[in-house]
Amino acid sequence: MTTIGSITSQAVSAGTTDQADLIGNYETFLTLLTTQLQNQDPMEPMDSSQFTEQLVQYSAVEQQIKSNEQLENLASMMTSSNALGVLNFVGTTVTINGSQGYLSDFGSTNFAFSTSEKGTANITIRNEAGEIVSYQPDVSISSGEQSYKWDGTDGSGNRMGKGTYSIQIDAKDEDGNALSITSDTTGVVENVDLTSSEPMLLVNGQKVPTSQIKYVGTSSTTTTTS
């Protein structure tokens, strides 16, 4: 014969099941409890504290499932709200960290920078773990704002996975003196891509995650990488 204890154990362990399963087990528990009460020995009645404790356990599991459902609904609402909020960036001027670029499954990525003089540079690309994935020595650079286009492959031609990569530019002028490289870049947000886990902004023809936005509006603050 099935006992109340076994039904209760099944219900408590079912905390990860949906509300319908919980209700079904709860109704089974009440039916079994009623049957046992009707057929108990009047001379040796059941200990009321036993099934009272079991009722409390069921109630706790039910409340936990309801709380989880409410949290999931709240998280979904917040995600939708954040996504819609990002749309307000369209048409605004933003300053982004040019030393970082997002590489998708296909295509290349551009790293924006500027310098006051022309010269040559050794360019290093690192992944999010800080590991070097590409190194290009003696790259010719001009003065003013410009960008370095990385095709997304390592030194052996292997395609790197999508994600955020950083650039390090060690530059010298024609006389061999070190050049200061400014990596911030300013542009107008052209559109927003909401298909990724993190919204992507199209700025100066380049997709960048919202986490790379440093300022909304123009700013004279710059970052040097050397």
C-alpha atoms as a PDB file:
ATOM      1  CA  MET A   1       0.000   0.000   0.000  1.00  0.00           C
ATOM      2  CA  THR A   2       1.281   3.457  -0.881  1.00  0.00           C
ATOM      3  CA  THR A   3       1.906   5.660   2.142  1.00  0.00           C
ATOM      4  CA  ILE A   4       1.570   9.383   2.693  1.00  0.00           C
ATOM      5  CA  GLY A   5       5.318   9.611   3.237  1.00  0.00           C
ATOM      6  CA  SER A   6       6.155   8.261  -0.220  1.00  0.00           C
ATOM      7  CA  ILE A   7       3.758  10.655  -1.951  1.00  0.00           C
ATOM      8  CA  THR A   8       5.185  13.581  -0.005  1.00  0.00           C
ATOM      9  CA  SER A   9       8.765  12.684  -0.987  1.00  0.00           C
ATOM     10  CA  GLN A  10       7.751  12.617  -4.620  1.00  0.00           C
ATOM     11  CA  ALA A  11       6.137  16.041  -4.340  1.00  0.00           C
ATOM     12  CA  VAL A  12       9.054  17.691  -2.573  1.00  0.00           C
ATOM     13  CA  SER A  13      11.541  16.350  -5.135  1.00  0.00           C
ATOM     14  CA  ALA A  14       9.308  17.700  -7.905  1.00  0.00           C
ATOM     15  CA  GLY A  15      10.251  21.288  -7.209  1.00  0.00           C
ATOM     16  CA  THR A  16      11.559  21.605 -10.760  1.00  0.00           C
ATOM     17  CA  THR A  17       8.320  20.367 -12.363  1.00  0.00           C
ATOM     18  CA  ASP A  18       5.596  22.679 -13.550  1.00  0.00           C
ATOM     19  CA  GLN A  19       2.522  23.816 -11.631  1.00  0.00           C
ATOM     20  CA  ALA A  20       0.257  21.196 -13.249  1.00  0.00           C
ATOM     21  CA  ASP A  21       2.400  18.320 -11.956  1.00  0.00           C
ATOM     22  CA  LEU A  22       2.444  19.818  -8.479  1.00  0.00           C
ATOM     23  CA  ILE A  23      -1.328  20.197  -8.393  1.00  0.00           C
ATOM     24  CA  GLY A  24      -1.753  16.606  -9.589  1.00  0.00           C
ATOM     25  CA  ASN A  25       0.510  15.241  -6.859  1.00  0.00           C
ATOM     26  CA  TYR A  26      -1.154  17.463  -4.270  1.00  0.00           C
ATOM     27  CA  GLU A  27      -4.610  16.151  -5.189  1.00  0.00           C
ATOM     28  CA  THR A  28      -3.303  12.584  -5.024  1.00  0.00           C
ATOM     29  CA  PHE A  29      -1.879  13.318  -1.590  1.00  0.00           C
ATOM     30  CA  LEU A  30      -5.202  14.694  -0.317  1.00  0.00           C
ATOM     31  CA  THR A  31      -7.107  11.708  -1.706  1.00  0.00           C
ATOM     32  CA  LEU A  32      -4.723   9.266  -0.032  1.00  0.00           C
ATOM     33  CA  LEU A  33      -4.828  11.219   3.223  1.00  0.00           C
ATOM     34  CA  THR A  34      -8.628  11.212   3.248  1.00  0.00           C
ATOM     35  CA  THR A  35      -8.698   7.466   2.575  1.00  0.00           C
ATOM     36  CA  GLN A  36      -6.257   6.752   5.392  1.00  0.00           C
ATOM     37  CA  LEU A  37      -8.235   8.898   7.820  1.00  0.00           C
ATOM     38  CA  GLN A  38     -11.431   7.073   6.910  1.00  0.00           C
ATOM     39  CA  ASN A  39      -9.822   3.666   7.424  1.00  0.00           C
ATOM     40  CA  GLN A  40      -7.668   4.366  10.463  1.00  0.00           C
ATOM     41  CA  ASP A  41      -8.053   2.307  13.619  1.00  0.00           C
ATOM     42  CA  PRO A  42     -10.114   4.387  16.083  1.00  0.00           C
ATOM     43  CA  MET A  43      -8.126   2.827  18.917  1.00  0.00           C
ATOM     44  CA  GLU A  44      -4.832   3.938  17.339  1.00  0.00           C
ATOM     45  CA  PRO A  45      -5.532   7.169  15.432  1.00  0.00           C
ATOM     46  CA  MET A  46      -2.895   8.720  13.172  1.00  0.00           C
ATOM     47  CA  ASP A  47      -0.518  11.272  14.605  1.00  0.00           C
ATOM     48  CA  SER A  48      -1.944  14.580  13.340  1.00  0.00           C
ATOM     49  CA  SER A  49       1.473  16.239  13.449  1.00  0.00           C
ATOM     50  CA  GLN A  50       2.674  13.891  10.681  1.00  0.00           C
ATOM     51  CA  PHE A  51       0.261  14.941   7.962  1.00  0.00           C
ATOM     52  CA  THR A  52       0.246  18.551   9.172  1.00  0.00           C
ATOM     53  CA  GLU A  53       3.998  18.679   8.529  1.00  0.00           C
ATOM     54  CA  GLN A  54       3.482  17.125   5.106  1.00  0.00           C
ATOM     55  CA  LEU A  55       0.842  19.718   4.229  1.00  0.00           C
ATOM     56  CA  VAL A  56       3.297  22.465   5.170  1.00  0.00           C
ATOM     57  CA  GLN A  57       5.957  20.920   2.899  1.00  0.00           C
ATOM     58  CA  TYR A  58       3.547  20.867  -0.022  1.00  0.00           C
ATOM     59  CA  SER A  59       2.582  24.472   0.577  1.00  0.00           C
ATOM     60  CA  ALA A  60       6.252  25.534   0.607  1.00  0.00           C
ATOM     61  CA  VAL A  61       6.949  23.798  -2.720  1.00  0.00           C
ATOM     62  CA  GLU A  62       3.867  25.360  -4.305  1.00  0.00           C
ATOM     63  CA  GLN A  63       4.860  28.847  -3.154  1.00  0.00           C
ATOM     64  CA  GLN A  64       8.403  28.352  -4.492  1.00  0.00           C
ATOM     65  CA  ILE A  65       7.122  27.435  -7.951  1.00  0.00           C
ATOM     66  CA  LYS A  66       4.840  30.481  -7.984  1.00  0.00           C
ATOM     67  CA  SER A  67       7.766  32.702  -6.957  1.00  0.00           C
ATOM     68  CA  ASN A  68       9.948  31.271  -9.750  1.00  0.00           C
ATOM     69  CA  GLU A  69       7.217  31.939 -12.310  1.00  0.00           C
ATOM     70  CA  GLN A  70       6.894  35.539 -11.129  1.00  0.00           C
ATOM     71  CA  LEU A  71      10.682  36.061 -11.336  1.00  0.00           C
ATOM     72  CA  GLU A  72      10.777  34.648 -14.882  1.00  0.00           C
ATOM     73  CA  ASN A  73       7.975  36.995 -15.944  1.00  0.00           C
ATOM     74  CA  LEU A  74       9.770  39.949 -14.365  1.00  0.00           C
ATOM     75  CA  ALA A  75      13.072  39.055 -16.083  1.00  0.00           C
ATOM     76  CA  SER A  76      11.311  38.780 -19.443  1.00  0.00           C
ATOM     77  CA  MET A  77       9.696  42.194 -18.976  1.00  0.00           C
ATOM     78  CA  MET A  78      13.051  43.776 -18.043  1.00  0.00           C
ATOM     79  CA  THR A  79      14.773  42.256 -21.096  1.00  0.00           C
ATOM     80  CA  SER A  80      12.103  43.631 -23.427  1.00  0.00           C
ATOM     81  CA  SER A  81      12.276  47.042 -21.766  1.00  0.00           C
ATOM     82  CA  ASN A  82      16.082  47.210 -22.105  1.00  0.00           C
ATOM     83  CA  ALA A  83      15.939  46.215 -25.773  1.00  0.00           C
ATOM     84  CA  LEU A  84      13.401  48.936 -26.548  1.00  0.00           C
ATOM     85  CA  GLY A  85      15.465  51.470 -24.586  1.00  0.00           C
ATOM     86  CA  VAL A  86      18.497  50.855 -26.819  1.00  0.00           C
ATOM     87  CA  LEU A  87      16.472  52.021 -29.829  1.00  0.00           C
ATOM     88  CA  ASN A  88      16.727  55.553 -28.424  1.00  0.00           C
ATOM     89  CA  PHE A  89      20.414  55.534 -29.429  1.00  0.00           C
ATOM     90  CA  VAL A  90      19.533  55.686 -33.133  1.00  0.00           C
ATOM     91  CA  GLY A  91      20.512  59.093 -34.506  1.00  0.00           C
ATOM     92  CA  THR A  92      22.547  60.101 -31.457  1.00  0.00           C
ATOM     93  CA  THR A  93      26.272  60.807 -31.321  1.00  0.00           C
ATOM     94  CA  VAL A  94      28.275  58.372 -29.206  1.00  0.00           C
ATOM     95  CA  THR A  95      31.916  57.936 -28.308  1.00  0.00           C
ATOM     96  CA  ILE A  96      33.082  54.332 -28.312  1.00  0.00           C
ATOM     97  CA  ASN A  97      36.240  52.530 -27.348  1.00  0.00           C
ATOM     98  CA  GLY A  98      38.044  52.130 -30.659  1.00  0.00           C
ATOM     99  CA  SER A  99      40.582  49.721 -29.192  1.00  0.00           C
ATOM    100  CA  GLN A 100      37.918  47.017 -29.146  1.00  0.00           C
ATOM    101  CA  GLY A 101      36.024  45.469 -32.007  1.00  0.00           C
ATOM    102  CA  TYR A 102      33.306  42.838 -32.278  1.00  0.00           C
ATOM    103  CA  LEU A 103      33.877  39.929 -34.649  1.00  0.00           C
ATOM    104  CA  SER A 104      30.784  38.124 -35.909  1.00  0.00           C
ATOM    105  CA  ASP A 105      30.634  34.629 -37.392  1.00  0.00           C
ATOM    106  CA  PHE A 106      31.460  36.103 -40.791  1.00  0.00           C
ATOM    107  CA  GLY A 107      33.318  39.126 -42.118  1.00  0.00           C
ATOM    108  CA  SER A 108      35.926  41.348 -40.542  1.00  0.00           C
ATOM    109  CA  THR A 109      36.117  44.069 -37.893  1.00  0.00           C
ATOM    110  CA  ASN A 110      37.615  47.551 -37.898  1.00  0.00           C
ATOM    111  CA  PHE A 111      39.548  49.200 -35.069  1.00  0.00           C
ATOM    112  CA  ALA A 112      39.431  52.994 -35.062  1.00  0.00           C
ATOM    113  CA  PHE A 113      42.377  55.117 -33.971  1.00  0.00           C
ATOM    114  CA  SER A 114      44.161  58.347 -34.757  1.00  0.00           C
ATOM    115  CA  THR A 115      47.663  59.778 -34.530  1.00  0.00           C
ATOM    116  CA  SER A 116      49.286  63.120 -35.254  1.00  0.00           C
ATOM    117  CA  GLU A 117      51.972  61.832 -37.632  1.00  0.00           C
ATOM    118  CA  LYS A 118      52.483  59.110 -40.164  1.00  0.00           C
ATOM    119  CA  GLY A 119      54.815  56.216 -39.498  1.00  0.00           C
ATOM    120  CA  THR A 120      54.820  52.452 -38.978  1.00  0.00           C
ATOM    121  CA  ALA A 121      53.189  50.303 -36.325  1.00  0.00           C
ATOM    122  CA  ASN A 122      53.304  46.811 -34.890  1.00  0.00           C
ATOM    123  CA  ILE A 123      49.687  45.712 -34.451  1.00  0.00           C
ATOM    124  CA  THR A 124      48.627  43.010 -31.999  1.00  0.00           C
ATOM    125  CA  ILE A 125      45.103  41.542 -31.744  1.00  0.00           C
ATOM    126  CA  ARG A 126      44.030  39.775 -28.544  1.00  0.00           C
ATOM    127  CA  ASN A 127      40.935  37.787 -27.644  1.00  0.00           C
ATOM    128  CA  GLU A 128      38.859  38.311 -24.498  1.00  0.00           C
ATOM    129  CA  ALA A 129      41.244  36.073 -22.527  1.00  0.00           C
ATOM    130  CA  GLY A 130      44.153  38.347 -23.449  1.00  0.00           C
ATOM    131  CA  GLU A 131      45.733  35.779 -25.761  1.00  0.00           C
ATOM    132  CA  ILE A 132      47.449  37.014 -28.932  1.00  0.00           C
ATOM    133  CA  VAL A 133      45.575  35.807 -32.010  1.00  0.00           C
ATOM    134  CA  SER A 134      47.151  38.037 -34.662  1.00  0.00           C
ATOM    135  CA  TYR A 135      50.354  40.070 -35.013  1.00  0.00           C
ATOM    136  CA  GLN A 136      51.247  42.329 -37.934  1.00  0.00           C
ATOM    137  CA  PRO A 137      54.632  44.155 -37.847  1.00  0.00           C
ATOM    138  CA  ASP A 138      55.625  47.267 -39.771  1.00  0.00           C
ATOM    139  CA  VAL A 139      52.147  48.360 -40.830  1.00  0.00           C
ATOM    140  CA  SER A 140      52.148  51.769 -42.524  1.00  0.00           C
ATOM    141  CA  ILE A 141      49.881  54.316 -40.835  1.00  0.00           C
ATOM    142  CA  SER A 142      48.983  57.851 -41.841  1.00  0.00           C
ATOM    143  CA  SER A 143      48.242  60.905 -39.738  1.00  0.00           C
ATOM    144  CA  GLY A 144      44.733  61.700 -38.507  1.00  0.00           C
ATOM    145  CA  GLU A 145      41.726  59.428 -37.933  1.00  0.00           C
ATOM    146  CA  GLN A 146      41.890  56.011 -39.561  1.00  0.00           C
ATOM    147  CA  SER A 147      41.102  52.361 -38.932  1.00  0.00           C
ATOM    148  CA  TYR A 148      42.775  48.990 -39.091  1.00  0.00           C
ATOM    149  CA  LYS A 149      40.783  46.219 -40.740  1.00  0.00           C
ATOM    150  CA  TRP A 150      41.290  42.745 -39.280  1.00  0.00           C
ATOM    151  CA  ASP A 151      39.953  39.856 -41.348  1.00  0.00           C
ATOM    152  CA  GLY A 152      39.214  37.705 -38.282  1.00  0.00           C
ATOM    153  CA  THR A 153      41.935  35.097 -38.823  1.00  0.00           C
ATOM    154  CA  ASP A 154      45.077  34.218 -36.882  1.00  0.00           C
ATOM    155  CA  GLY A 155      48.614  34.036 -38.255  1.00  0.00           C
ATOM    156  CA  SER A 156      47.886  30.612 -39.763  1.00  0.00           C
ATOM    157  CA  GLY A 157      44.717  31.728 -41.502  1.00  0.00           C
ATOM    158  CA  ASN A 158      42.371  30.031 -39.023  1.00  0.00           C
ATOM    159  CA  ARG A 159      39.035  31.743 -38.486  1.00  0.00           C
ATOM    160  CA  MET A 160      38.578  33.065 -34.946  1.00  0.00           C
ATOM    161  CA  GLY A 161      35.295  32.701 -33.077  1.00  0.00           C
ATOM    162  CA  LYS A 162      32.836  35.548 -32.693  1.00  0.00           C
ATOM    163  CA  GLY A 163      33.324  37.879 -29.761  1.00  0.00           C
ATOM    164  CA  THR A 164      35.092  41.035 -28.643  1.00  0.00           C
ATOM    165  CA  TYR A 165      38.756  41.500 -29.556  1.00  0.00           C
ATOM    166  CA  SER A 166      41.184  44.257 -28.581  1.00  0.00           C
ATOM    167  CA  ILE A 167      43.976  45.912 -30.529  1.00  0.00           C
ATOM    168  CA  GLN A 168      47.363  47.147 -29.358  1.00  0.00           C
ATOM    169  CA  ILE A 169      49.196  49.564 -31.634  1.00  0.00           C
ATOM    170  CA  ASP A 170      52.868  50.279 -31.002  1.00  0.00           C
ATOM    171  CA  ALA A 171      53.748  53.026 -33.467  1.00  0.00           C
ATOM    172  CA  LYS A 172      56.816  55.070 -34.368  1.00  0.00           C
ATOM    173  CA  ASP A 173      57.227  58.062 -36.619  1.00  0.00           C
ATOM    174  CA  GLU A 174      59.649  58.209 -39.553  1.00  0.00           C
ATOM    175  CA  ASP A 175      62.479  59.186 -37.182  1.00  0.00           C
ATOM    176  CA  GLY A 176      61.889  56.200 -34.912  1.00  0.00           C
ATOM    177  CA  ASN A 177      60.195  58.150 -32.127  1.00  0.00           C
ATOM    178  CA  ALA A 178      57.187  56.625 -30.356  1.00  0.00           C
ATOM    179  CA  LEU A 179      53.797  57.921 -31.496  1.00  0.00           C
ATOM    180  CA  SER A 180      50.811  58.446 -29.241  1.00  0.00           C
ATOM    181  CA  ILE A 181      47.761  56.521 -30.460  1.00  0.00           C
ATOM    182  CA  THR A 182      44.273  57.706 -29.592  1.00  0.00           C
ATOM    183  CA  SER A 183      41.724  54.901 -29.635  1.00  0.00           C
ATOM    184  CA  ASP A 184      38.416  56.677 -28.952  1.00  0.00           C
ATOM    185  CA  THR A 185      36.173  57.360 -31.911  1.00  0.00           C
ATOM    186  CA  THR A 186      32.944  59.338 -32.251  1.00  0.00           C
ATOM    187  CA  GLY A 187      30.074  58.633 -34.614  1.00  0.00           C
ATOM    188  CA  VAL A 188      26.320  58.616 -35.083  1.00  0.00           C
ATOM    189  CA  VAL A 189      24.366  55.442 -34.327  1.00  0.00           C
ATOM    190  CA  GLU A 190      22.823  54.401 -37.643  1.00  0.00           C
ATOM    191  CA  ASN A 191      20.758  51.445 -36.466  1.00  0.00           C
ATOM    192  CA  VAL A 192      20.447  48.789 -33.764  1.00  0.00           C
ATOM    193  CA  ASP A 193      20.695  45.008 -34.162  1.00  0.00           C
ATOM    194  CA  LEU A 194      18.625  43.172 -31.527  1.00  0.00           C
ATOM    195  CA  THR A 195      19.237  39.652 -32.835  1.00  0.00           C
ATOM    196  CA  SER A 196      22.301  39.047 -30.631  1.00  0.00           C
ATOM    197  CA  SER A 197      22.359  38.351 -26.895  1.00  0.00           C
ATOM    198  CA  GLU A 198      23.663  41.909 -26.466  1.00  0.00           C
ATOM    199  CA  PRO A 199      22.241  44.717 -28.642  1.00  0.00           C
ATOM    200  CA  MET A 200      24.695  45.835 -31.328  1.00  0.00           C
ATOM    201  CA  LEU A 201      24.959  49.424 -32.583  1.00  0.00           C
ATOM    202  CA  LEU A 202      26.073  50.320 -36.103  1.00  0.00           C
ATOM    203  CA  VAL A 203      28.521  53.230 -35.721  1.00  0.00           C
ATOM    204  CA  ASN A 204      30.709  54.436 -38.599  1.00  0.00           C
ATOM    205  CA  GLY A 205      29.830  51.273 -40.501  1.00  0.00           C
ATOM    206  CA  GLN A 206      30.981  49.025 -37.644  1.00  0.00           C
ATOM    207  CA  LYS A 207      28.876  46.935 -35.274  1.00  0.00           C
ATOM    208  CA  VAL A 208      29.767  47.533 -31.642  1.00  0.00           C
ATOM    209  CA  PRO A 209      28.133  46.212 -28.447  1.00  0.00           C
ATOM    210  CA  THR A 210      26.493  48.723 -26.120  1.00  0.00           C
ATOM    211  CA  SER A 211      29.125  47.884 -23.490  1.00  0.00           C
ATOM    212  CA  GLN A 212      31.705  49.759 -25.623  1.00  0.00           C
ATOM    213  CA  ILE A 213      29.863  53.082 -25.401  1.00  0.00           C
ATOM    214  CA  LYS A 214      31.918  55.485 -23.305  1.00  0.00           C
ATOM    215  CA  TYR A 215      29.929  58.684 -23.816  1.00  0.00           C
ATOM    216  CA  VAL A 216      26.626  59.735 -25.337  1.00  0.00           C
ATOM    217  CA  GLY A 217      27.283  63.038 -27.092  1.00  0.00           C
ATOM    218  CA  THR A 218      30.664  64.414 -28.104  1.00  0.00           C
ATOM    219  CA  SER A 219      33.587  64.249 -25.702  1.00  0.00           C
ATOM    220  CA  SER A 220      37.205  65.333 -25.916  1.00  0.00           C
ATOM    221  CA  THR A 221      38.393  62.527 -23.651  1.00  0.00           C
ATOM    222  CA  THR A 222      40.764  60.102 -25.376  1.00  0.00           C
ATOM    223  CA  THR A 223      42.525  56.872 -24.546  1.00  0.00           C
ATOM    224  CA  THR A 224      46.093  56.106 -25.553  1.00  0.00           C
ATOM    225  CA  THR A 225      47.352  52.595 -26.049  1.00  0.00           C
ATOM    226  CA  SER A 226      51.029  53.383 -26.092  1.00  0.00           C
END
